[in-house]
C-alpha atoms as a PDB file:
ATOM      1  CA  UNK A   1      39.470  19.757 -54.945  1.00  0.00           C
ATOM      2  CA  UNK A   2      38.374  18.393 -51.561  1.00  0.00           C
ATOM      3  CA  UNK A   3      39.391  14.883 -52.591  1.00  0.00           C
ATOM      4  CA  UNK A   4      42.901  16.054 -53.443  1.00  0.00           C
ATOM      5  CA  UNK A   5      43.236  17.760 -50.064  1.00  0.00           C
ATOM      6  CA  UNK A   6      42.015  14.636 -48.240  1.00  0.00           C
ATOM      7  CA  UNK A   7      44.382  12.429 -50.239  1.00  0.00           C
ATOM      8  CA  UNK A   8      47.321  14.737 -49.503  1.00  0.00           C
ATOM      9  CA  UNK A   9      46.486  14.886 -45.793  1.00  0.00           C
ATOM     10  CA  UNK A  10      46.279  11.087 -45.576  1.00  0.00           C
ATOM     11  CA  UNK A  11      49.522  10.762 -47.531  1.00  0.00           C
ATOM     12  CA  UNK A  12      51.395  13.155 -45.219  1.00  0.00           C
ATOM     13  CA  UNK A  13      50.003  11.450 -42.118  1.00  0.00           C
ATOM     14  CA  UNK A  14      51.249   8.108 -43.445  1.00  0.00           C
ATOM     15  CA  UNK A  15      54.675   9.525 -44.284  1.00  0.00           C
ATOM     16  CA  UNK A  16      54.864  11.108 -40.831  1.00  0.00           C
ATOM     17  CA  UNK A  17      53.952   7.797 -39.188  1.00  0.00           C
ATOM     18  CA  UNK A  18      56.620   5.973 -41.215  1.00  0.00           C
ATOM     19  CA  UNK A  19      59.264   8.518 -40.249  1.00  0.00           C
ATOM     20  CA  UNK A  20      58.199   8.320 -36.599  1.00  0.00           C
ATOM     21  CA  UNK A  21      58.457   4.539 -36.731  1.00  0.00           C
ATOM     22  CA  UNK A  22      61.962   4.674 -38.220  1.00  0.00           C
ATOM     23  CA  UNK A  23      63.145   7.192 -35.643  1.00  0.00           C
ATOM     24  CA  UNK A  24      61.687   5.240 -32.707  1.00  0.00           C
ATOM     25  CA  UNK A  25      63.053   1.875 -33.833  1.00  0.00           C
ATOM     26  CA  UNK A  26      66.525   3.244 -34.592  1.00  0.00           C
ATOM     27  CA  UNK A  27      66.721   5.188 -31.343  1.00  0.00           C
ATOM     28  CA  UNK A  28      65.559   2.208 -29.265  1.00  0.00           C
ATOM     29  CA  UNK A  29      67.940  -0.275 -30.892  1.00  0.00           C
ATOM     30  CA  UNK A  30      70.866   2.160 -30.748  1.00  0.00           C
ATOM     31  CA  UNK A  31      70.244   2.537 -27.009  1.00  0.00           C
ATOM     32  CA  UNK A  32      70.186  -1.229 -26.594  1.00  0.00           C
ATOM     33  CA  UNK A  33      73.381  -1.530 -28.601  1.00  0.00           C
ATOM     34  CA  UNK A  34      75.144   0.989 -26.340  1.00  0.00           C
ATOM     35  CA  UNK A  35      73.979  -0.971 -23.294  1.00  0.00           C
ATOM     36  CA  UNK A  36      75.226  -4.222 -24.822  1.00  0.00           C
ATOM     37  CA  UNK A  37      78.618  -2.670 -25.538  1.00  0.00           C
ATOM     38  CA  UNK A  38      78.883  -1.604 -21.891  1.00  0.00           C
ATOM     39  CA  UNK A  39      78.005  -5.151 -20.855  1.00  0.00           C
ATOM     40  CA  UNK A  40      80.624  -6.524 -23.276  1.00  0.00           C
ATOM     41  CA  UNK A  41      83.294  -4.242 -21.779  1.00  0.00           C
ATOM     42  CA  UNK A  42      82.246  -5.305 -18.298  1.00  0.00           C
ATOM     43  CA  UNK A  43      82.400  -8.980 -19.234  1.00  0.00           C
ATOM     44  CA  UNK A  44      85.891  -8.521 -20.663  1.00  0.00           C
ATOM     45  CA  UNK A  45      87.019  -6.602 -17.584  1.00  0.00           C
ATOM     46  CA  UNK A  46      85.768  -9.354 -15.255  1.00  0.00           C
ATOM     47  CA  UNK A  47      86.701 -12.426 -17.256  1.00  0.00           C
ATOM     48  CA  UNK A  48      87.547 -14.438 -14.144  1.00  0.00           C
ATOM     49  CA  UNK A  49      84.177 -13.838 -12.507  1.00  0.00           C
ATOM     50  CA  UNK A  50      81.489 -12.815 -15.006  1.00  0.00           C
ATOM     51  CA  UNK A  51      78.711 -13.140 -12.442  1.00  0.00           C
ATOM     52  CA  UNK A  52      79.510 -10.020 -10.450  1.00  0.00           C
ATOM     53  CA  UNK A  53      77.071  -7.483  -9.069  1.00  0.00           C
ATOM     54  CA  UNK A  54      77.801  -4.866 -11.724  1.00  0.00           C
ATOM     55  CA  UNK A  55      77.354  -7.180 -14.728  1.00  0.00           C
ATOM     56  CA  UNK A  56      74.218  -8.760 -13.303  1.00  0.00           C
ATOM     57  CA  UNK A  57      72.785  -5.286 -12.623  1.00  0.00           C
ATOM     58  CA  UNK A  58      73.592  -4.187 -16.186  1.00  0.00           C
ATOM     59  CA  UNK A  59      71.879  -7.300 -17.566  1.00  0.00           C
ATOM     60  CA  UNK A  60      68.832  -6.707 -15.372  1.00  0.00           C
ATOM     61  CA  UNK A  61      68.632  -3.086 -16.573  1.00  0.00           C
ATOM     62  CA  UNK A  62      68.931  -4.279 -20.172  1.00  0.00           C
ATOM     63  CA  UNK A  63      66.129  -6.813 -19.642  1.00  0.00           C
ATOM     64  CA  UNK A  64      63.909  -4.133 -18.092  1.00  0.00           C
ATOM     65  CA  UNK A  65      64.574  -1.729 -20.952  1.00  0.00           C
ATOM     66  CA  UNK A  66      63.876  -4.470 -23.481  1.00  0.00           C
ATOM     67  CA  UNK A  67      60.630  -5.527 -21.782  1.00  0.00           C
ATOM     68  CA  UNK A  68      59.410  -1.926 -21.711  1.00  0.00           C
ATOM     69  CA  UNK A  69      59.893  -1.492 -25.468  1.00  0.00           C
ATOM     70  CA  UNK A  70      59.197  -4.989 -26.738  1.00  0.00           C
ATOM     71  CA  UNK A  71      55.439  -4.550 -26.964  1.00  0.00           C
ATOM     72  CA  UNK A  72      55.764  -1.497 -29.201  1.00  0.00           C
ATOM     73  CA  UNK A  73      58.362  -3.226 -31.367  1.00  0.00           C
ATOM     74  CA  UNK A  74      56.029  -6.183 -31.833  1.00  0.00           C
ATOM     75  CA  UNK A  75      53.555  -3.759 -33.407  1.00  0.00           C
ATOM     76  CA  UNK A  76      56.148  -2.028 -35.572  1.00  0.00           C
ATOM     77  CA  UNK A  77      58.425  -4.848 -36.696  1.00  0.00           C
ATOM     78  CA  UNK A  78      58.444  -8.425 -37.795  1.00  0.00           C
ATOM     79  CA  UNK A  79      57.530 -10.692 -34.859  1.00  0.00           C
ATOM     80  CA  UNK A  80      60.342 -13.121 -35.639  1.00  0.00           C
ATOM     81  CA  UNK A  81      62.919 -10.349 -35.455  1.00  0.00           C
ATOM     82  CA  UNK A  82      61.678  -9.239 -32.047  1.00  0.00           C
ATOM     83  CA  UNK A  83      61.399 -12.781 -30.702  1.00  0.00           C
ATOM     84  CA  UNK A  84      64.888 -13.715 -31.918  1.00  0.00           C
ATOM     85  CA  UNK A  85      66.352 -10.708 -30.156  1.00  0.00           C
ATOM     86  CA  UNK A  86      64.313 -11.528 -27.060  1.00  0.00           C
ATOM     87  CA  UNK A  87      65.907 -14.987 -27.045  1.00  0.00           C
ATOM     88  CA  UNK A  88      69.355 -13.428 -27.319  1.00  0.00           C
ATOM     89  CA  UNK A  89      68.746 -11.094 -24.364  1.00  0.00           C
ATOM     90  CA  UNK A  90      67.320 -13.846 -22.162  1.00  0.00           C
ATOM     91  CA  UNK A  91      70.165 -16.209 -23.084  1.00  0.00           C
ATOM     92  CA  UNK A  92      72.806 -13.557 -22.426  1.00  0.00           C
ATOM     93  CA  UNK A  93      71.455 -12.801 -18.978  1.00  0.00           C
ATOM     94  CA  UNK A  94      71.178 -16.506 -18.126  1.00  0.00           C
ATOM     95  CA  UNK A  95      74.760 -17.162 -19.234  1.00  0.00           C
ATOM     96  CA  UNK A  96      76.041 -14.204 -17.213  1.00  0.00           C
ATOM     97  CA  UNK A  97      74.238 -15.529 -14.134  1.00  0.00           C
ATOM     98  CA  UNK A  98      75.824 -18.954 -14.712  1.00  0.00           C
ATOM     99  CA  UNK A  99      79.302 -17.333 -14.646  1.00  0.00           C
ATOM    100  CA  UNK A 100      80.345 -18.661 -18.063  1.00  0.00           C
ATOM    101  CA  UNK A 101      82.807 -16.224 -19.658  1.00  0.00           C
ATOM    102  CA  UNK A 102      83.136 -17.814 -23.097  1.00  0.00           C
ATOM    103  CA  UNK A 103      79.397 -18.134 -23.685  1.00  0.00           C
ATOM    104  CA  UNK A 104      78.783 -14.631 -22.310  1.00  0.00           C
ATOM    105  CA  UNK A 105      81.220 -13.169 -24.856  1.00  0.00           C
ATOM    106  CA  UNK A 106      79.574 -15.135 -27.655  1.00  0.00           C
ATOM    107  CA  UNK A 107      76.031 -14.103 -26.681  1.00  0.00           C
ATOM    108  CA  UNK A 108      76.834 -10.424 -26.182  1.00  0.00           C
ATOM    109  CA  UNK A 109      78.670 -10.209 -29.537  1.00  0.00           C
ATOM    110  CA  UNK A 110      75.834 -12.089 -31.212  1.00  0.00           C
ATOM    111  CA  UNK A 111      73.288  -9.619 -29.816  1.00  0.00           C
ATOM    112  CA  UNK A 112      75.364  -6.621 -30.934  1.00  0.00           C
ATOM    113  CA  UNK A 113      75.747  -8.051 -34.437  1.00  0.00           C
ATOM    114  CA  UNK A 114      72.032  -8.858 -34.576  1.00  0.00           C
ATOM    115  CA  UNK A 115      71.168  -5.240 -33.793  1.00  0.00           C
ATOM    116  CA  UNK A 116      73.508  -4.128 -36.583  1.00  0.00           C
ATOM    117  CA  UNK A 117      71.623  -6.368 -38.998  1.00  0.00           C
ATOM    118  CA  UNK A 118      68.220  -5.179 -37.771  1.00  0.00           C
ATOM    119  CA  UNK A 119      69.221  -1.533 -38.139  1.00  0.00           C
ATOM    120  CA  UNK A 120      70.501  -2.115 -41.659  1.00  0.00           C
ATOM    121  CA  UNK A 121      67.226  -3.789 -42.626  1.00  0.00           C
ATOM    122  CA  UNK A 122      64.961  -1.244 -40.927  1.00  0.00           C
ATOM    123  CA  UNK A 123      66.196   1.771 -42.888  1.00  0.00           C
ATOM    124  CA  UNK A 124      64.836   1.802 -46.437  1.00  0.00           C
ATOM    125  CA  UNK A 125      67.843   1.845 -48.735  1.00  0.00           C
ATOM    126  CA  UNK A 126      67.491   1.367 -52.473  1.00  0.00           C
ATOM    127  CA  UNK A 127      69.159  -2.048 -52.158  1.00  0.00           C
ATOM    128  CA  UNK A 128      66.520  -3.111 -49.586  1.00  0.00           C
ATOM    129  CA  UNK A 129      63.692  -2.031 -51.861  1.00  0.00           C
ATOM    130  CA  UNK A 130      64.964  -3.729 -54.989  1.00  0.00           C
END
Protein backbone atom coordinates (compact mmCIF):
# COMPACT_ATOMS: atom_id res chain seq x y z
CA UNK A 1 0.00 0.00 0.00
CA UNK A 2 2.88 2.37 0.77
CA UNK A 3 4.31 1.84 -2.71
CA UNK A 4 1.02 2.84 -4.31
CA UNK A 5 0.89 6.02 -2.23
CA UNK A 6 4.49 6.90 -3.14
CA UNK A 7 3.82 6.23 -6.83
CA UNK A 8 0.68 8.39 -6.76
CA UNK A 9 2.48 11.22 -4.96
CA UNK A 10 5.32 11.17 -7.49
CA UNK A 11 2.83 11.03 -10.36
CA UNK A 12 0.87 14.05 -9.07
CA UNK A 13 4.07 16.02 -8.45
CA UNK A 14 5.13 15.34 -12.04
CA UNK A 15 1.73 16.33 -13.41
CA UNK A 16 1.80 19.49 -11.30
CA UNK A 17 5.27 20.36 -12.60
CA UNK A 18 4.14 19.82 -16.20
CA UNK A 19 1.10 22.05 -15.71
CA UNK A 20 3.26 24.71 -14.04
CA UNK A 21 5.68 24.58 -16.96
CA UNK A 22 2.87 24.99 -19.50
CA UNK A 23 1.35 27.91 -17.61
CA UNK A 24 4.70 29.69 -17.19
CA UNK A 25 5.78 29.25 -20.81
CA UNK A 26 2.41 30.33 -22.21
CA UNK A 27 2.15 33.33 -19.91
CA UNK A 28 5.71 34.47 -20.68
CA UNK A 29 5.36 34.11 -24.45
CA UNK A 30 1.92 35.75 -24.47
CA UNK A 31 3.44 38.73 -22.63
CA UNK A 32 6.24 38.92 -25.17
CA UNK A 33 3.74 38.72 -28.00
CA UNK A 34 1.75 41.64 -26.57
CA UNK A 35 4.96 43.66 -26.30
CA UNK A 36 5.88 42.81 -29.89
CA UNK A 37 2.45 43.90 -31.10
CA UNK A 38 2.91 47.25 -29.35
CA UNK A 39 6.30 47.59 -31.03
CA UNK A 40 4.74 46.71 -34.40
CA UNK A 41 2.07 49.40 -33.94
CA UNK A 42 4.75 51.88 -32.96
CA UNK A 43 6.86 51.01 -35.99
CA UNK A 44 3.85 51.48 -38.28
CA UNK A 45 2.98 54.78 -36.63
CA UNK A 46 6.53 56.11 -37.09
CA UNK A 47 7.34 54.70 -40.51
CA UNK A 48 9.38 57.75 -41.50
CA UNK A 49 11.64 57.56 -38.46
CA UNK A 50 11.66 54.11 -36.85
CA UNK A 51 14.55 54.98 -34.55
CA UNK A 52 12.63 57.23 -32.18
CA UNK A 53 12.88 57.34 -28.41
CA UNK A 54 9.63 55.47 -27.82
CA UNK A 55 10.39 52.55 -30.15
CA UNK A 56 13.95 52.21 -28.89
CA UNK A 57 12.67 52.23 -25.29
CA UNK A 58 10.08 49.55 -26.13
CA UNK A 59 12.78 47.40 -27.74
CA UNK A 60 15.07 47.85 -24.73
CA UNK A 61 12.23 46.84 -22.38
CA UNK A 62 11.53 43.80 -24.56
CA UNK A 63 15.21 42.81 -24.48
CA UNK A 64 15.29 43.18 -20.69
CA UNK A 65 12.15 41.09 -20.27
CA UNK A 66 13.54 38.45 -22.61
CA UNK A 67 16.90 38.31 -20.82
CA UNK A 68 15.18 37.91 -17.46
CA UNK A 69 13.18 34.88 -18.63
CA UNK A 70 15.56 33.31 -21.11
CA UNK A 71 17.49 31.30 -18.54
CA UNK A 72 14.33 29.61 -17.25
CA UNK A 73 13.13 28.93 -20.79
CA UNK A 74 16.44 27.27 -21.61
CA UNK A 75 15.69 24.78 -18.83
CA UNK A 76 12.09 24.22 -19.88
CA UNK A 77 12.23 24.25 -23.67
CA UNK A 78 14.29 23.16 -26.60
CA UNK A 79 17.52 25.20 -26.74
CA UNK A 80 17.19 25.80 -30.47
CA UNK A 81 13.75 27.31 -30.02
CA UNK A 82 15.01 29.72 -27.38
CA UNK A 83 18.14 30.63 -29.32
CA UNK A 84 16.19 31.24 -32.54
CA UNK A 85 13.86 33.60 -30.73
CA UNK A 86 16.84 35.27 -29.08
CA UNK A 87 18.26 35.94 -32.55
CA UNK A 88 14.96 37.43 -33.65
CA UNK A 89 14.81 39.80 -30.67
CA UNK A 90 18.42 40.93 -31.07
CA UNK A 91 17.97 41.42 -34.82
CA UNK A 92 14.75 43.38 -34.34
CA UNK A 93 16.34 45.76 -31.87
CA UNK A 94 19.40 46.23 -34.09
CA UNK A 95 17.24 46.98 -37.14
CA UNK A 96 15.15 49.48 -35.17
CA UNK A 97 18.33 51.24 -34.03
CA UNK A 98 19.51 51.38 -37.66
CA UNK A 99 16.27 53.19 -38.63
CA UNK A 100 15.28 50.67 -41.30
CA UNK A 101 11.48 50.57 -41.58
CA UNK A 102 11.10 47.67 -44.02
CA UNK A 103 13.40 45.32 -42.11
CA UNK A 104 11.86 46.35 -38.78
CA UNK A 105 8.39 45.37 -40.04
CA UNK A 106 9.73 42.05 -41.32
CA UNK A 107 11.56 41.22 -38.07
CA UNK A 108 8.69 42.18 -35.77
CA UNK A 109 6.16 40.15 -37.81
CA UNK A 110 8.59 37.24 -37.93
CA UNK A 111 8.96 37.31 -34.14
CA UNK A 112 5.18 37.46 -33.63
CA UNK A 113 4.64 34.53 -36.00
CA UNK A 114 7.43 32.57 -34.32
CA UNK A 115 5.74 32.97 -30.94
CA UNK A 116 2.49 31.72 -32.47
CA UNK A 117 4.30 28.61 -33.67
CA UNK A 118 6.03 28.07 -30.32
CA UNK A 119 2.74 28.37 -28.44
CA UNK A 120 1.05 25.90 -30.76
CA UNK A 121 3.87 23.40 -30.24
CA UNK A 122 4.13 23.87 -26.47
CA UNK A 123 0.54 22.87 -25.69
CA UNK A 124 0.03 19.11 -25.94
CA UNK A 125 -2.70 18.57 -28.50
CA UNK A 126 -3.55 15.12 -29.80
CA UNK A 127 -2.09 16.08 -33.19
CA UNK A 128 1.23 17.00 -31.51
CA UNK A 129 1.38 13.68 -29.70
CA UNK A 130 0.61 11.51 -32.69
